[in-house]
Protein backbone atom coordinates (compact mmCIF):
# COMPACT_ATOMS: atom_id res chain seq x y z
CA UNK A 1 -64.07 91.75 -37.38
CA UNK A 2 -63.17 94.69 -35.16
CA UNK A 3 -59.70 95.98 -34.25
CA UNK A 4 -59.48 94.01 -31.03
CA UNK A 5 -60.50 90.73 -32.63
CA UNK A 6 -58.10 91.29 -35.52
CA UNK A 7 -55.19 92.16 -33.21
CA UNK A 8 -55.64 89.10 -31.01
CA UNK A 9 -56.09 86.76 -33.97
CA UNK A 10 -52.82 88.03 -35.46
CA UNK A 11 -51.00 87.40 -32.18
CA UNK A 12 -52.45 83.88 -32.17
CA UNK A 13 -51.35 83.28 -35.80
CA UNK A 14 -54.95 82.96 -36.94
CA UNK A 15 -56.35 84.22 -40.28
CA UNK A 16 -57.67 87.80 -40.47
CA UNK A 17 -59.40 89.94 -43.06
CA UNK A 18 -56.42 92.31 -43.28
CA UNK A 19 -53.34 93.33 -41.33
CA UNK A 20 -53.23 95.55 -38.26
CA UNK A 21 -51.91 98.99 -39.23
CA UNK A 22 -49.85 100.47 -36.40
CA UNK A 23 -47.09 103.07 -36.05
CA UNK A 24 -44.81 103.66 -33.09
CA UNK A 25 -44.86 107.45 -33.35
CA UNK A 26 -43.24 110.44 -34.99
CA UNK A 27 -40.86 113.26 -34.14
CA UNK A 28 -42.16 116.79 -33.84
CA UNK A 29 -40.05 117.90 -36.80
CA UNK A 30 -41.91 115.41 -39.00
CA UNK A 31 -45.23 117.01 -38.09
CA UNK A 32 -43.95 120.45 -39.10
CA UNK A 33 -42.66 119.09 -42.41
CA UNK A 34 -45.98 117.40 -43.18
CA UNK A 35 -47.79 120.67 -42.53
CA UNK A 36 -45.36 122.45 -44.87
CA UNK A 37 -46.06 119.81 -47.50
CA UNK A 38 -49.81 120.36 -47.37
CA UNK A 39 -51.28 118.36 -44.51
CA UNK A 40 -54.16 120.33 -42.93
CA UNK A 41 -53.13 122.26 -39.84
CA UNK A 42 -56.15 121.14 -37.84
CA UNK A 43 -55.49 117.40 -38.08
CA UNK A 44 -55.10 115.97 -34.58
CA UNK A 45 -52.34 113.36 -34.87
CA UNK A 46 -50.90 113.19 -31.38
CA UNK A 47 -47.91 110.86 -31.66
CA UNK A 48 -49.73 108.25 -33.83
CA UNK A 49 -49.07 105.66 -31.10
CA UNK A 50 -52.77 105.32 -30.32
CA UNK A 51 -53.83 105.24 -33.97
CA UNK A 52 -55.02 107.86 -36.44
CA UNK A 53 -58.29 108.22 -38.33
CA UNK A 54 -56.62 110.62 -40.77
CA UNK A 55 -54.01 108.06 -41.84
CA UNK A 56 -56.20 105.00 -41.37
CA UNK A 57 -54.14 103.61 -38.50
CA UNK A 58 -55.88 101.14 -36.22
CA UNK A 59 -56.75 102.23 -32.71
CA UNK A 60 -54.72 100.99 -29.74
CA UNK A 61 -55.41 101.82 -26.11
CA UNK A 62 -52.95 102.13 -23.24
CA UNK A 63 -54.05 101.75 -19.65
CA UNK A 64 -53.13 105.09 -18.05
CA UNK A 65 -51.19 103.79 -15.07
CA UNK A 66 -48.25 105.98 -14.08
CA UNK A 67 -45.77 103.13 -13.86
CA UNK A 68 -42.55 104.73 -15.14
CA UNK A 69 -42.55 107.92 -13.06
CA UNK A 70 -40.53 108.25 -9.88
CA UNK A 71 -42.72 109.29 -6.95
CA UNK A 72 -41.45 111.46 -5.49
CA UNK A 73 -39.53 112.60 -8.54
CA UNK A 74 -36.21 114.39 -8.52
CA UNK A 75 -36.52 118.15 -8.67
CA UNK A 76 -35.86 119.33 -12.21
CA UNK A 77 -33.10 121.92 -12.44
CA UNK A 78 -31.49 123.91 -15.24
CA UNK A 79 -27.77 123.67 -14.53
CA UNK A 80 -26.41 125.57 -17.51
CA UNK A 81 -27.89 127.24 -20.57
CA UNK A 82 -26.65 129.29 -23.48
CA UNK A 83 -28.10 130.18 -26.88
CA UNK A 84 -27.28 126.72 -28.29
CA UNK A 85 -27.37 124.15 -25.47
CA UNK A 86 -29.32 123.32 -22.31
CA UNK A 87 -27.86 121.27 -19.45
CA UNK A 88 -30.61 120.07 -17.15
CA UNK A 89 -31.40 117.57 -14.41
CA UNK A 90 -34.64 115.73 -15.14
CA UNK A 91 -37.26 114.07 -12.96
CA UNK A 92 -35.59 110.64 -13.08
CA UNK A 93 -32.30 112.11 -11.81
CA UNK A 94 -30.24 112.05 -14.99
CA UNK A 95 -28.39 115.12 -16.26
CA UNK A 96 -28.10 115.69 -19.99
CA UNK A 97 -26.94 118.29 -22.48
CA UNK A 98 -29.43 118.97 -25.26
CA UNK A 99 -29.36 120.95 -28.49
CA UNK A 100 -31.94 123.74 -28.42
CA UNK A 101 -31.80 124.50 -32.13
CA UNK A 102 -34.52 122.83 -34.18
CA UNK A 103 -36.75 121.96 -31.22
CA UNK A 104 -40.29 121.15 -32.38
CA UNK A 105 -43.31 120.09 -30.31
CA UNK A 106 -41.08 118.94 -27.45
CA UNK A 107 -38.76 116.92 -29.71
CA UNK A 108 -35.08 117.67 -30.28
CA UNK A 109 -33.29 117.22 -33.60
CA UNK A 110 -30.97 114.69 -31.96
CA UNK A 111 -30.64 112.71 -28.74
CA UNK A 112 -29.23 114.49 -25.71
CA UNK A 113 -25.69 113.89 -24.53
CA UNK A 114 -26.05 112.06 -21.22
CA UNK A 115 -23.74 113.44 -18.52
CA UNK A 116 -24.68 111.65 -15.30
CA UNK A 117 -27.26 109.28 -13.82
CA UNK A 118 -29.01 108.75 -10.50
CA UNK A 119 -27.38 105.41 -9.62
CA UNK A 120 -23.63 104.85 -9.61
CA UNK A 121 -23.37 102.24 -6.85
CA UNK A 122 -25.33 100.26 -4.26
CA UNK A 123 -25.69 103.24 -1.94
CA UNK A 124 -27.33 105.29 -4.70
CA UNK A 125 -29.70 102.42 -5.45
CA UNK A 126 -30.73 102.15 -1.81
CA UNK A 127 -31.33 105.90 -1.75
CA UNK A 128 -33.65 105.80 -4.78
CA UNK A 129 -35.81 102.82 -3.80
CA UNK A 130 -38.41 104.91 -2.01
CA UNK A 131 -39.18 106.70 -5.27
CA UNK A 132 -40.66 103.47 -6.67
CA UNK A 133 -43.68 103.66 -4.42
CA UNK A 134 -46.17 101.23 -5.95
CA UNK A 135 -48.86 102.17 -3.44
CA UNK A 136 -48.92 105.87 -4.32
CA UNK A 137 -52.51 106.81 -5.23
CA UNK A 138 -51.12 109.07 -7.96
CA UNK A 139 -50.15 105.99 -9.99
CA UNK A 140 -53.81 105.17 -10.64
CA UNK A 141 -55.87 107.73 -12.59
CA UNK A 142 -58.80 109.45 -10.95
CA UNK A 143 -62.26 108.02 -11.63
CA UNK A 144 -60.70 104.57 -11.97
CA UNK A 145 -64.03 102.74 -11.64
CA UNK A 146 -65.45 104.74 -14.56
CA UNK A 147 -62.39 103.90 -16.67
CA UNK A 148 -62.79 100.19 -15.91
CA UNK A 149 -66.47 100.33 -16.85
CA UNK A 150 -65.80 102.12 -20.15
CA UNK A 151 -63.15 99.58 -21.15
CA UNK A 152 -65.37 96.52 -20.77
CA UNK A 153 -67.05 96.64 -24.19
CA UNK A 154 -64.22 98.19 -26.21
CA UNK A 155 -63.54 97.09 -29.79
CA UNK A 156 -59.79 97.92 -29.80
CA UNK A 157 -56.78 96.22 -28.13
CA UNK A 158 -55.63 97.50 -24.75
CA UNK A 159 -52.06 97.42 -23.47
CA UNK A 160 -51.03 97.16 -19.86
CA UNK A 161 -48.88 100.25 -19.29
CA UNK A 162 -48.29 103.06 -21.73
CA UNK A 163 -45.60 103.23 -24.36
CA UNK A 164 -42.46 104.09 -22.43
CA UNK A 165 -42.80 101.79 -19.44
CA UNK A 166 -39.32 100.43 -18.92
CA UNK A 167 -38.30 96.81 -19.39
CA UNK A 168 -35.68 95.17 -17.20
CA UNK A 169 -32.51 96.15 -19.06
CA UNK A 170 -33.98 99.57 -19.81
CA UNK A 171 -34.67 100.02 -16.09
CA UNK A 172 -30.94 99.61 -15.44
CA UNK A 173 -30.07 101.83 -18.38
CA UNK A 174 -32.41 104.56 -17.23
CA UNK A 175 -30.91 104.70 -13.74
CA UNK A 176 -27.25 103.95 -14.56
CA UNK A 177 -26.67 104.84 -18.21
CA UNK A 178 -25.92 102.54 -21.13
CA UNK A 179 -22.28 101.80 -20.30
CA UNK A 180 -22.90 100.91 -16.65
CA UNK A 181 -26.04 98.94 -17.54
CA UNK A 182 -23.87 96.77 -19.79
CA UNK A 183 -20.94 96.31 -17.40
CA UNK A 184 -22.84 95.77 -14.12
CA UNK A 185 -23.50 92.14 -15.10
CA UNK A 186 -19.74 91.55 -14.91
CA UNK A 187 -18.58 94.13 -12.35
CA UNK A 188 -21.32 93.60 -9.75
CA UNK A 189 -23.66 90.74 -10.71
CA UNK A 190 -25.16 90.60 -7.21
CA UNK A 191 -26.30 94.21 -7.48
CA UNK A 192 -27.67 93.54 -10.98
CA UNK A 193 -29.77 90.65 -9.65
CA UNK A 194 -30.95 92.76 -6.72
CA UNK A 195 -31.98 95.70 -8.91
CA UNK A 196 -33.80 93.48 -11.40
CA UNK A 197 -35.63 91.63 -8.62
CA UNK A 198 -36.63 94.94 -7.09
CA UNK A 199 -38.04 96.32 -10.34
CA UNK A 200 -39.83 93.06 -11.15
CA UNK A 201 -41.52 93.07 -7.74
CA UNK A 202 -42.43 96.73 -8.22
CA UNK A 203 -44.04 96.05 -11.62
CA UNK A 204 -46.06 93.15 -10.21
CA UNK A 205 -47.32 95.26 -7.32
CA UNK A 206 -48.10 98.41 -9.28
CA UNK A 207 -50.11 96.53 -11.95
CA UNK A 208 -51.83 94.02 -9.65
CA UNK A 209 -55.12 95.88 -9.30
CA UNK A 210 -55.39 96.61 -13.02
CA UNK A 211 -54.81 92.97 -13.93
CA UNK A 212 -57.60 91.92 -11.57
CA UNK A 213 -60.11 94.51 -12.78
CA UNK A 214 -59.42 95.03 -16.50
CA UNK A 215 -59.19 92.52 -19.35
CA UNK A 216 -55.81 93.29 -20.91
CA UNK A 217 -54.83 92.23 -24.44
CA UNK A 218 -51.07 92.63 -24.19
CA UNK A 219 -48.21 94.00 -22.10
CA UNK A 220 -46.34 96.92 -23.60
CA UNK A 221 -42.88 97.93 -22.41
CA UNK A 222 -39.76 99.73 -23.60
CA UNK A 223 -36.73 97.46 -23.94
CA UNK A 224 -34.21 99.43 -25.96
CA UNK A 225 -31.06 97.30 -25.93
CA UNK A 226 -29.93 97.33 -29.55
CA UNK A 227 -27.04 99.35 -30.97
CA UNK A 228 -26.33 100.15 -34.62
CA UNK A 229 -23.92 97.18 -34.81
CA UNK A 230 -25.84 94.67 -32.68
CA UNK A 231 -27.37 94.02 -29.25
CA UNK A 232 -26.03 95.75 -26.15
CA UNK A 233 -26.25 92.50 -24.17
CA UNK A 234 -25.66 89.00 -25.47
CA UNK A 235 -27.81 85.86 -25.24
CA UNK A 236 -25.93 84.50 -22.20
CA UNK A 237 -26.53 87.67 -20.20
CA UNK A 238 -30.15 87.75 -21.32
CA UNK A 239 -30.77 84.15 -20.27
CA UNK A 240 -28.99 84.55 -16.93
CA UNK A 241 -30.30 87.91 -15.75
CA UNK A 242 -33.41 88.92 -17.71
CA UNK A 243 -35.23 85.82 -18.93
CA UNK A 244 -35.86 84.27 -15.45
CA UNK A 245 -37.82 87.37 -14.47
């Protein structure tokens, strides 16, 4: 039984020879600590999301569509910087304040403090729509036909979209911030429906070719709507706004 067979049997609640060993990833600081504790320096771990021979993690593939990026992206800009903090505008339009101390392999010690977001109202949303250009050739990797051919006889599961493609609530959160993504369902439900319809249509269009040409095992997306004390949206909101899509 290979990785792909095992993965799909587990999802179908069928018996397998052993479980599927998978990790979501690790922070850069963890990698440094493991090296300090004796792990060989030349071990290629990546983020562990795709598996690891060194740790015996099962292989997982992600179709390399550039679904989450804005095209064209916002111009990145350093707004303020001192010896401790960096305030920067990023490619998705948000501005955040990050701690520079303890940075390792592109990972901060703590989450950034979010200061502003690209969408505050309907006018901002209209202004950003063109950045979700599903027809941009840059969203599909070069040598696509070769990629499709190589994936036909694989023995590992393949996800549609990479880890980090945004789910519906997370789409709102990314553009508006957590607070506004929670209150828009009450303050402006029509805009919430419109934004969710727009993103759903975009996802369908941007993945259409891949679904027709590649046999996908599962759909992977980022839907981060839990807080330390419970969910950020309740069942009623989920059923009304998210589930129908």
